[in-house]
Amino acid sequence: MNIKCMYHFENVAKLNLFTEILEKTRWNIEKQLLKERAVYYASNHFYNELKKQFIRNDLTIWPLKDEEVITWIDTLSIMRRVMMQLFKKGINGEKLNVFMEYPLVYGNHMRADYLIVYERLIIVLEFGMFNQDEKRSEERYTKKLQDSITHRQVLANVMDNTIKVVNYVMIYRPEFDRLRNSFLNENIIYNNEEIKLLTSFIINMTRDEEKLSAISQLERVNQLNL
C-alpha cells in the first residue's frame, strides 16, 4: 500500500510492536518544556529514528522542529494505550489502519497527526498538549479543534461520498516531573479518562461502520421476518 505518510501501521498489532520500545524504556509524558526535553533526549535512539524517518519521507517544505519529535513520542505512547483498550474491547485490530503524520493533498502542506481508517471510515485525530496556564486550556482545545475540522474537510473534499470522514481532538497533560522524579497522579487520571473517551468514540464509529456491512444488513433484514 503506497500512501505517503511518516508511518503506516496496517493493524493494531503492528503499532503495538512499534511502540514496545516506549514500554521498555519507560517513556513518560514529562512536565518539562518541549524545548528542554528535546535537548535532553537528543541522543535517544528512538527520537533520532523518528527524525530520520520524517526527513527520509520528505513530508513537508517546512523545517522540522525538534520539539515536534518529542510530541510524536508522547502521542505514540497515548496511541499505544488507546490500542490496548481497543484490543480489550474486542475491536477487530486486523481491519484497523493507522497513518501517522499524514500530509493532506491540496492541504497547503498541512499534516494530520493521525488517521485511523476502518473499512469506509476515516477518523482524523489531532492531539494537543496542555502544560501551562489553566486559563488557556479552552483556547488550546479550540485551536486544535479548528485544525481538526479543517483537516477533515480538506480530506473529505477528495474522498468519495461513500466514505465517512470524522474528526476528534484529544488534549493530554504531562504525567511526570523528571526534575522531581515524581508522577503527576491527577494528570494521569485525567489522561486515562480522555483515553477512555477516545476509545469509546472509535468503538462507536467502527460499530456504526460494521452495521453497514452486507452481512449485518442481511442479519437486520432477517430479524424483520421473525
Protein backbone atom coordinates (compact mmCIF):
# COMPACT_ATOMS: atom_id res chain seq x y z
CA MET A 1 0.00 0.00 0.00
CA ASN A 2 1.71 3.19 -1.21
CA ILE A 3 0.21 6.03 0.83
CA LYS A 4 2.53 8.88 1.72
CA CYS A 5 2.88 9.45 5.46
CA MET A 6 5.52 9.15 8.14
CA TYR A 7 4.41 5.69 9.27
CA HIS A 8 1.62 3.36 8.23
CA PHE A 9 0.60 0.70 10.74
CA GLU A 10 -1.50 -1.87 8.88
CA ASN A 11 -3.13 -3.17 12.04
CA VAL A 12 -3.20 -2.70 15.80
CA ALA A 13 -0.56 -5.36 16.38
CA LYS A 14 2.00 -3.53 14.22
CA LEU A 15 1.50 -0.26 16.06
CA ASN A 16 1.85 -2.04 19.38
CA LEU A 17 5.02 -3.77 18.21
CA PHE A 18 6.48 -0.47 17.01
CA THR A 19 5.80 1.24 20.34
CA GLU A 20 7.10 -1.58 22.56
CA ILE A 21 10.30 0.43 22.95
CA LEU A 22 8.35 3.05 24.89
CA GLU A 23 7.27 0.41 27.37
CA LYS A 24 10.79 -0.97 27.69
CA THR A 25 12.40 2.44 28.19
CA ARG A 26 9.56 3.66 30.42
CA TRP A 27 8.90 6.78 28.39
CA ASN A 28 6.90 9.39 30.28
CA ILE A 29 4.98 12.45 29.13
CA GLU A 30 7.03 14.93 31.09
CA LYS A 31 6.17 18.28 32.61
CA GLN A 32 9.38 19.90 31.38
CA LEU A 33 9.11 22.22 28.38
CA LEU A 34 9.34 20.64 24.93
CA LYS A 35 12.48 22.58 24.03
CA GLU A 36 14.27 21.38 27.16
CA ARG A 37 13.09 17.81 26.61
CA ALA A 38 14.34 17.88 23.01
CA VAL A 39 17.82 18.79 24.25
CA TYR A 40 17.68 16.15 27.00
CA TYR A 41 16.66 13.35 24.60
CA ALA A 42 18.82 14.45 21.66
CA SER A 43 20.84 11.22 21.82
CA ASN A 44 17.82 8.95 22.35
CA HIS A 45 17.78 6.24 19.66
CA PHE A 46 14.01 6.26 19.09
CA TYR A 47 13.96 10.07 18.98
CA ASN A 48 16.61 10.07 16.25
CA GLU A 49 14.94 7.28 14.27
CA LEU A 50 11.74 9.33 14.09
CA LYS A 51 13.66 12.37 12.88
CA LYS A 52 15.39 10.33 10.17
CA GLN A 53 12.10 8.77 9.04
CA PHE A 54 10.40 12.15 8.73
CA ILE A 55 13.25 13.60 6.67
CA ARG A 56 13.52 10.45 4.55
CA ASN A 57 9.84 10.58 3.65
CA ASP A 58 10.03 14.27 2.64
CA LEU A 59 6.63 15.18 4.10
CA THR A 60 6.76 18.98 4.12
CA ILE A 61 8.55 22.05 2.85
CA TRP A 62 8.82 23.40 6.41
CA PRO A 63 11.87 22.67 8.60
CA LEU A 64 11.35 20.10 11.32
CA LYS A 65 11.42 21.39 14.89
CA ASP A 66 12.98 19.11 17.49
CA GLU A 67 10.05 19.81 19.80
CA GLU A 68 7.75 18.11 17.29
CA VAL A 69 9.67 14.87 17.66
CA ILE A 70 9.01 14.85 21.40
CA THR A 71 5.27 15.32 20.80
CA TRP A 72 5.34 12.40 18.34
CA ILE A 73 6.75 10.13 21.03
CA ASP A 74 4.23 11.40 23.59
CA THR A 75 1.31 10.79 21.25
CA LEU A 76 2.62 7.38 20.23
CA SER A 77 2.62 6.43 23.91
CA ILE A 78 -1.01 7.56 24.13
CA MET A 79 -1.91 5.72 20.92
CA ARG A 80 -0.40 2.57 22.40
CA ARG A 81 -2.70 2.90 25.41
CA VAL A 82 -5.69 3.52 23.15
CA MET A 83 -4.91 0.46 21.02
CA MET A 84 -4.60 -1.68 24.14
CA GLN A 85 -8.06 -0.52 25.20
CA LEU A 86 -9.50 -1.28 21.76
CA PHE A 87 -7.98 -4.76 21.90
CA LYS A 88 -9.59 -5.38 25.30
CA LYS A 89 -12.94 -4.19 23.92
CA GLY A 90 -12.77 -6.72 21.09
CA ILE A 91 -12.27 -4.38 18.12
CA ASN A 92 -11.02 -6.24 15.04
CA GLY A 93 -7.46 -4.92 15.02
CA GLU A 94 -6.65 -6.55 11.70
CA LYS A 95 -9.08 -4.21 9.94
CA LEU A 96 -7.84 -1.02 11.58
CA ASN A 97 -5.11 1.02 9.84
CA VAL A 98 -3.27 3.91 11.46
CA PHE A 99 -1.41 6.58 9.47
CA MET A 100 0.94 8.88 11.38
CA GLU A 101 1.78 12.40 10.15
CA TYR A 102 -0.33 12.24 7.01
CA PRO A 103 0.27 15.17 4.57
CA LEU A 104 -3.05 16.38 3.23
CA VAL A 105 -3.25 16.52 -0.55
CA TYR A 106 -4.36 20.04 -1.54
CA GLY A 107 -3.91 20.97 2.12
CA ASN A 108 -1.23 23.67 1.75
CA HIS A 109 1.38 21.39 3.36
CA MET A 110 -0.76 20.71 6.44
CA ARG A 111 -0.44 17.33 8.12
CA ALA A 112 -2.91 15.34 10.19
CA ASP A 113 -1.44 13.90 13.38
CA TYR A 114 -3.10 10.52 12.78
CA LEU A 115 -5.66 8.95 10.50
CA ILE A 116 -7.50 5.92 11.85
CA VAL A 117 -9.03 4.01 8.94
CA TYR A 118 -11.60 1.24 9.29
CA GLU A 119 -13.47 -0.02 6.22
CA ARG A 120 -15.20 3.12 4.83
CA LEU A 121 -14.47 5.22 7.91
CA ILE A 122 -11.64 7.73 8.41
CA ILE A 123 -11.08 9.37 11.80
CA VAL A 124 -8.88 12.48 11.63
CA LEU A 125 -7.22 12.53 15.05
CA GLU A 126 -5.42 15.58 16.41
CA PHE A 127 -3.53 15.83 19.70
CA GLY A 128 -2.67 18.86 21.78
CA MET A 129 -0.63 19.07 24.97
CA PHE A 130 -1.79 21.25 27.83
CA ASN A 131 1.11 22.05 30.12
CA GLN A 132 0.87 25.64 31.27
CA ASP A 133 -1.74 28.18 32.35
CA GLU A 134 -5.10 26.55 33.14
CA LYS A 135 -6.89 29.58 31.67
CA ARG A 136 -5.51 28.72 28.23
CA SER A 137 -6.88 25.18 28.26
CA GLU A 138 -10.08 26.11 26.41
CA GLU A 139 -8.13 28.24 23.93
CA ARG A 140 -5.77 25.33 23.24
CA TYR A 141 -8.64 22.94 22.61
CA THR A 142 -10.46 25.41 20.36
CA LYS A 143 -7.38 25.90 18.17
CA LYS A 144 -6.76 22.16 17.83
CA LEU A 145 -10.44 21.58 17.13
CA GLN A 146 -10.35 24.12 14.31
CA ASP A 147 -7.26 22.40 12.88
CA SER A 148 -9.04 19.07 13.11
CA ILE A 149 -12.18 20.37 11.37
CA THR A 150 -10.07 21.91 8.61
CA HIS A 151 -8.11 18.71 8.09
CA ARG A 152 -11.32 16.67 7.98
CA GLN A 153 -12.86 18.98 5.40
CA VAL A 154 -9.76 19.02 3.17
CA LEU A 155 -9.65 15.23 3.25
CA ALA A 156 -13.40 14.80 2.73
CA ASN A 157 -13.21 17.03 -0.35
CA VAL A 158 -11.15 14.42 -2.20
CA MET A 159 -12.95 11.33 -0.90
CA ASP A 160 -15.87 9.52 -2.50
CA ASN A 161 -19.14 10.44 -0.74
CA THR A 162 -19.49 6.85 0.46
CA ILE A 163 -16.51 7.40 2.77
CA LYS A 164 -17.33 8.76 6.22
CA VAL A 165 -14.72 11.26 7.45
CA VAL A 166 -14.96 12.45 11.07
CA ASN A 167 -12.59 14.32 13.38
CA TYR A 168 -11.57 14.07 17.02
CA VAL A 169 -9.29 16.10 19.30
CA MET A 170 -7.62 14.86 22.46
CA ILE A 171 -5.86 17.29 24.79
CA TYR A 172 -3.46 15.50 27.12
CA ARG A 173 -1.47 16.57 30.16
CA PRO A 174 2.05 15.81 31.43
CA GLU A 175 2.23 12.79 33.70
CA PHE A 176 5.74 13.01 35.14
CA ASP A 177 8.07 15.64 36.58
CA ARG A 178 11.57 14.46 35.68
CA LEU A 179 13.35 17.04 37.86
CA ARG A 180 11.45 15.91 40.96
CA ASN A 181 11.27 12.29 39.82
CA SER A 182 7.58 12.16 40.66
CA PHE A 183 4.39 11.19 38.86
CA LEU A 184 1.56 13.70 38.48
CA ASN A 185 -1.27 11.43 39.55
CA GLU A 186 -4.06 13.91 38.93
CA ASN A 187 -2.93 14.33 35.33
CA ILE A 188 -2.59 10.57 34.85
CA ILE A 189 -6.21 10.16 35.93
CA TYR A 190 -7.21 12.96 33.55
CA ASN A 191 -5.37 11.35 30.62
CA ASN A 192 -6.83 7.93 31.36
CA GLU A 193 -10.33 9.40 31.24
CA GLU A 194 -9.57 11.13 27.94
CA ILE A 195 -8.19 7.86 26.56
CA LYS A 196 -11.42 6.14 27.57
CA LEU A 197 -13.43 8.80 25.72
CA LEU A 198 -11.30 8.47 22.59
CA THR A 199 -11.54 4.68 22.75
CA SER A 200 -15.32 4.91 23.13
CA PHE A 201 -15.52 7.25 20.14
CA ILE A 202 -13.51 4.89 17.94
CA ILE A 203 -15.61 1.91 19.04
CA ASN A 204 -18.89 3.71 18.32
CA MET A 205 -17.68 4.86 14.91
CA THR A 206 -16.41 1.43 13.90
CA ARG A 207 -19.57 -0.30 15.12
CA ASP A 208 -21.64 2.09 13.03
CA GLU A 209 -19.47 1.08 10.07
CA GLU A 210 -19.96 -2.62 10.83
CA LYS A 211 -23.73 -2.14 10.74
CA LEU A 212 -23.41 -1.12 7.08
CA SER A 213 -21.65 -4.32 6.05
CA ALA A 214 -23.57 -6.70 3.79
CA ILE A 215 -23.72 -9.47 6.39
CA SER A 216 -25.03 -7.07 9.05
CA GLN A 217 -27.70 -5.82 6.69
CA LEU A 218 -28.77 -9.41 5.94
CA GLU A 219 -28.98 -10.11 9.65
CA ARG A 220 -31.11 -7.00 10.14
CA VAL A 221 -33.47 -7.99 7.34
CA ASN A 222 -33.71 -11.48 8.76
CA GLN A 223 -34.89 -10.02 12.10
CA LEU A 224 -37.73 -8.28 10.31
CA ASN A 225 -39.19 -11.64 9.32
CA LEU A 226 -39.24 -13.09 12.85
